[in-house]
Structures are given as C-alpha cells and as structure tokens.
Amino acid sequence: MKTLRQLTPLAREEGLVIQELPGELLIYDLSNHKAHCLNRTAAFIWKHCDGRMTVPEIAARLGKEFDASSDEAVVWFALGQLKKTRLLRDSSNGKQISRRDVIRKAGLAAAVGLPLVTSILAPTALAQASCLPRDAACTLNSQCCSGNCRGNGLCA
C-alpha cells in the first residue's frame, strides 16, 4: 500500500476543453458545464499530475520553476482544490490542507504564490435562450418573450 508521500496524482483530461493564457490556465468541464481558472501555480501542479510523479517530486519541480523553496503542503493544498473541482482522477486521494495551514507553514510571503482554482457555472445554451412569460417581473425588453417589458416592470 502506498503512503501519502508515494501517491502519484493523475490529472483528468477527458471531457475538458483546455486553453492556456499568459499566467493562467482555463479549463471548461463539459460534463458539468463548469469553467475553472487555474493560476500559474495551480496550473503548474495540475500539468505535473501525470500519474508518475509523487507529491515530493512535484514540490521539488515547483520550487525549481518558481525559483523558491516549495513545501509539499503547497502541492497538497492544490491537489485538494483540483480534486474538489473534479480535475483529478479518483486515484489521487490524499490529505486535505487548508490555506491557513499552508500560509502558517510556508510563511505569509508564500501566500502570493499559493495555488488558486476559481470556478464558475456556465449557463447552458437553453438557459441563455429562455425568455420570461407574460406578467413575469422584468427590467429589460430582451428578457420578455414578447420583447416588451412594460413600465410597471412586467412582461407584456
């Protein structure tokens, strides 16, 4: 049985649309219509979750890439976020570490480089195409199926 230090996390790639931008990575999950934005640190860690590298190895590479000492706690923190957003395969079980624990352990200066995954739910095309029926509350003509939002704030 593998210990936590021997775990080799594996990034999920199927059903994802991935777009690299300067300083961040955007990932759209087709299965749940969620968009995730990974900052540079989180993106680096996710890209190195190849199923072969261990957490200590990823931490070492992270330290070299960012020319700073990198604690395994930073990698575990990122893995927790990536797992929560379903960007890792289930085989990457591991310990959960809070942002507070990472900052306390690595120091406040490291907080700037903490891995960050921000997610939003993207509306489906059907939700975008829907309109409000007669007598529904509205603020714009474009919200109403009739195209007419009356002065009383109700669709005509």
Protein backbone atom coordinates (compact mmCIF):
# COMPACT_ATOMS: atom_id res chain seq x y z
CA MET A 1 0.00 0.00 0.00
CA LYS A 2 1.32 3.43 -0.93
CA THR A 3 1.98 6.06 1.69
CA LEU A 4 0.83 9.63 1.11
CA ARG A 5 4.34 10.61 0.02
CA GLN A 6 4.29 7.85 -2.62
CA LEU A 7 0.96 8.86 -4.19
CA THR A 8 1.18 9.81 -7.84
CA PRO A 9 -1.75 12.12 -8.64
CA LEU A 10 -3.25 11.92 -12.11
CA ALA A 11 -4.95 14.84 -13.84
CA ARG A 12 -8.28 14.21 -15.53
CA GLU A 13 -8.17 15.20 -19.19
CA GLU A 14 -11.22 13.59 -20.79
CA GLY A 15 -14.25 15.82 -21.27
CA LEU A 16 -12.24 19.00 -20.75
CA VAL A 17 -11.55 21.94 -23.03
CA ILE A 18 -8.20 23.48 -22.06
CA GLN A 19 -6.96 26.93 -23.03
CA GLU A 20 -3.61 28.33 -21.92
CA LEU A 21 -3.39 32.06 -21.35
CA PRO A 22 -0.50 34.16 -20.03
CA GLY A 23 -0.23 33.42 -16.32
CA GLU A 24 -3.27 31.13 -16.09
CA LEU A 25 -4.98 28.06 -17.46
CA LEU A 26 -8.68 27.95 -18.32
CA ILE A 27 -10.41 24.58 -18.20
CA TYR A 28 -14.04 24.02 -19.21
CA ASP A 29 -15.59 20.79 -17.92
CA LEU A 30 -18.11 19.54 -20.48
CA SER A 31 -19.68 17.08 -18.03
CA ASN A 32 -20.93 19.66 -15.53
CA HIS A 33 -20.64 22.93 -17.52
CA LYS A 34 -18.18 24.48 -15.09
CA ALA A 35 -15.30 26.70 -16.06
CA HIS A 36 -12.16 26.65 -13.91
CA CYS A 37 -9.36 29.21 -13.91
CA LEU A 38 -6.06 27.95 -12.51
CA ASN A 39 -3.43 30.48 -11.58
CA ARG A 40 0.16 29.85 -12.63
CA THR A 41 1.00 27.77 -9.54
CA ALA A 42 -2.13 25.58 -9.70
CA ALA A 43 -1.69 25.11 -13.47
CA PHE A 44 1.93 24.02 -12.98
CA ILE A 45 0.90 21.45 -10.37
CA TRP A 46 -2.05 20.15 -12.46
CA LYS A 47 0.17 19.72 -15.52
CA HIS A 48 2.62 17.66 -13.45
CA CYS A 49 -0.07 15.28 -12.20
CA ASP A 50 0.89 12.65 -14.74
CA GLY A 51 0.39 9.54 -12.60
CA ARG A 52 4.16 9.01 -12.31
CA MET A 53 5.40 11.92 -10.21
CA THR A 54 4.97 11.86 -6.44
CA VAL A 55 3.97 14.85 -4.34
CA PRO A 56 7.57 15.43 -3.16
CA GLU A 57 8.77 15.35 -6.78
CA ILE A 58 6.10 17.85 -7.86
CA ALA A 59 7.06 20.10 -4.92
CA ALA A 60 10.73 19.96 -5.95
CA ARG A 61 9.91 20.87 -9.57
CA LEU A 62 7.64 23.66 -8.37
CA GLY A 63 10.50 25.09 -6.31
CA LYS A 64 12.83 25.00 -9.32
CA GLU A 65 10.26 26.54 -11.68
CA PHE A 66 9.46 29.45 -9.38
CA ASP A 67 13.00 29.75 -8.00
CA ALA A 68 11.76 29.46 -4.43
CA SER A 69 11.57 26.87 -1.73
CA SER A 70 8.35 24.94 -2.11
CA ASP A 71 6.81 22.89 0.63
CA GLU A 72 4.77 19.77 -0.04
CA ALA A 73 1.91 21.49 1.79
CA VAL A 74 1.51 23.83 -1.18
CA VAL A 75 1.14 20.85 -3.52
CA TRP A 76 -1.33 19.12 -1.16
CA PHE A 77 -3.35 22.33 -0.98
CA ALA A 78 -3.53 22.49 -4.79
CA LEU A 79 -4.42 18.81 -5.04
CA GLY A 80 -7.29 19.37 -2.62
CA GLN A 81 -8.67 22.15 -4.83
CA LEU A 82 -8.16 20.15 -8.01
CA LYS A 83 -9.86 17.11 -6.52
CA LYS A 84 -12.79 19.21 -5.29
CA THR A 85 -13.30 20.60 -8.80
CA ARG A 86 -13.02 17.09 -10.30
CA LEU A 87 -9.87 17.93 -12.28
CA LEU A 88 -8.05 14.90 -10.84
CA ARG A 89 -8.87 11.26 -11.24
CA ASP A 90 -10.14 9.43 -8.16
CA SER A 91 -6.84 7.60 -7.70
CA SER A 92 -5.30 10.80 -6.33
CA ASN A 93 -6.72 10.54 -2.80
CA GLY A 94 -4.68 12.39 -0.26
CA LYS A 95 -4.69 14.58 2.77
CA GLN A 96 -6.57 17.85 2.85
CA ILE A 97 -4.69 21.00 3.82
CA SER A 98 -6.30 24.38 4.36
CA ARG A 99 -4.99 27.66 3.01
CA ARG A 100 -4.46 28.81 6.60
CA ASP A 101 -2.26 25.78 7.32
CA VAL A 102 -0.20 26.40 4.18
CA ILE A 103 0.32 30.09 4.99
CA ARG A 104 1.23 29.26 8.58
CA LYS A 105 3.73 26.63 7.47
CA ALA A 106 5.21 28.37 4.43
CA GLY A 107 5.02 31.94 5.66
CA LEU A 108 2.93 34.91 4.63
CA ALA A 109 5.23 35.77 1.73
CA ALA A 110 4.30 32.44 0.12
CA ALA A 111 0.61 33.40 0.10
CA VAL A 112 1.12 35.34 -3.12
CA GLY A 113 2.21 32.19 -4.93
CA LEU A 114 -0.44 29.89 -3.47
CA PRO A 115 -2.23 27.72 -6.00
CA LEU A 116 -5.69 29.04 -6.74
CA VAL A 117 -8.54 27.41 -8.63
CA THR A 118 -11.54 29.65 -9.32
CA SER A 119 -14.70 28.06 -10.74
CA ILE A 120 -17.96 29.30 -12.22
CA LEU A 121 -21.02 27.51 -13.52
CA ALA A 122 -21.50 28.29 -17.20
CA PRO A 123 -25.15 28.57 -18.28
CA THR A 124 -26.27 26.15 -20.95
CA ALA A 125 -27.41 27.43 -24.34
CA LEU A 126 -31.01 26.63 -23.40
CA ALA A 127 -30.79 28.81 -20.28
CA GLN A 128 -29.39 31.64 -22.38
CA ALA A 129 -32.17 31.30 -24.93
CA SER A 130 -35.06 31.23 -22.46
CA CYS A 131 -37.33 34.25 -22.01
CA LEU A 132 -39.84 35.43 -19.43
CA PRO A 133 -43.57 34.80 -19.94
CA ARG A 134 -46.38 37.37 -19.76
CA ASP A 135 -46.69 39.18 -16.39
CA ALA A 136 -43.25 37.99 -15.18
CA ALA A 137 -41.04 40.59 -13.46
CA CYS A 138 -38.57 42.16 -15.89
CA THR A 139 -36.16 45.05 -16.26
CA LEU A 140 -35.30 44.84 -20.00
CA ASN A 141 -37.33 44.25 -23.16
CA SER A 142 -34.90 41.49 -24.17
CA GLN A 143 -35.89 39.44 -21.10
CA CYS A 144 -39.52 39.06 -22.23
CA CYS A 145 -40.70 36.56 -24.85
CA SER A 146 -42.85 39.34 -26.28
CA GLY A 147 -39.86 41.70 -26.38
CA ASN A 148 -41.86 44.22 -24.32
CA CYS A 149 -41.08 44.97 -20.68
CA ARG A 150 -43.82 47.37 -19.64
CA GLY A 151 -43.26 50.41 -17.43
CA ASN A 152 -44.71 48.53 -14.45
CA GLY A 153 -41.80 46.03 -14.62
CA LEU A 154 -43.89 43.16 -16.04
CA CYS A 155 -43.65 41.44 -19.40
CA ALA A 156 -46.44 42.27 -21.85
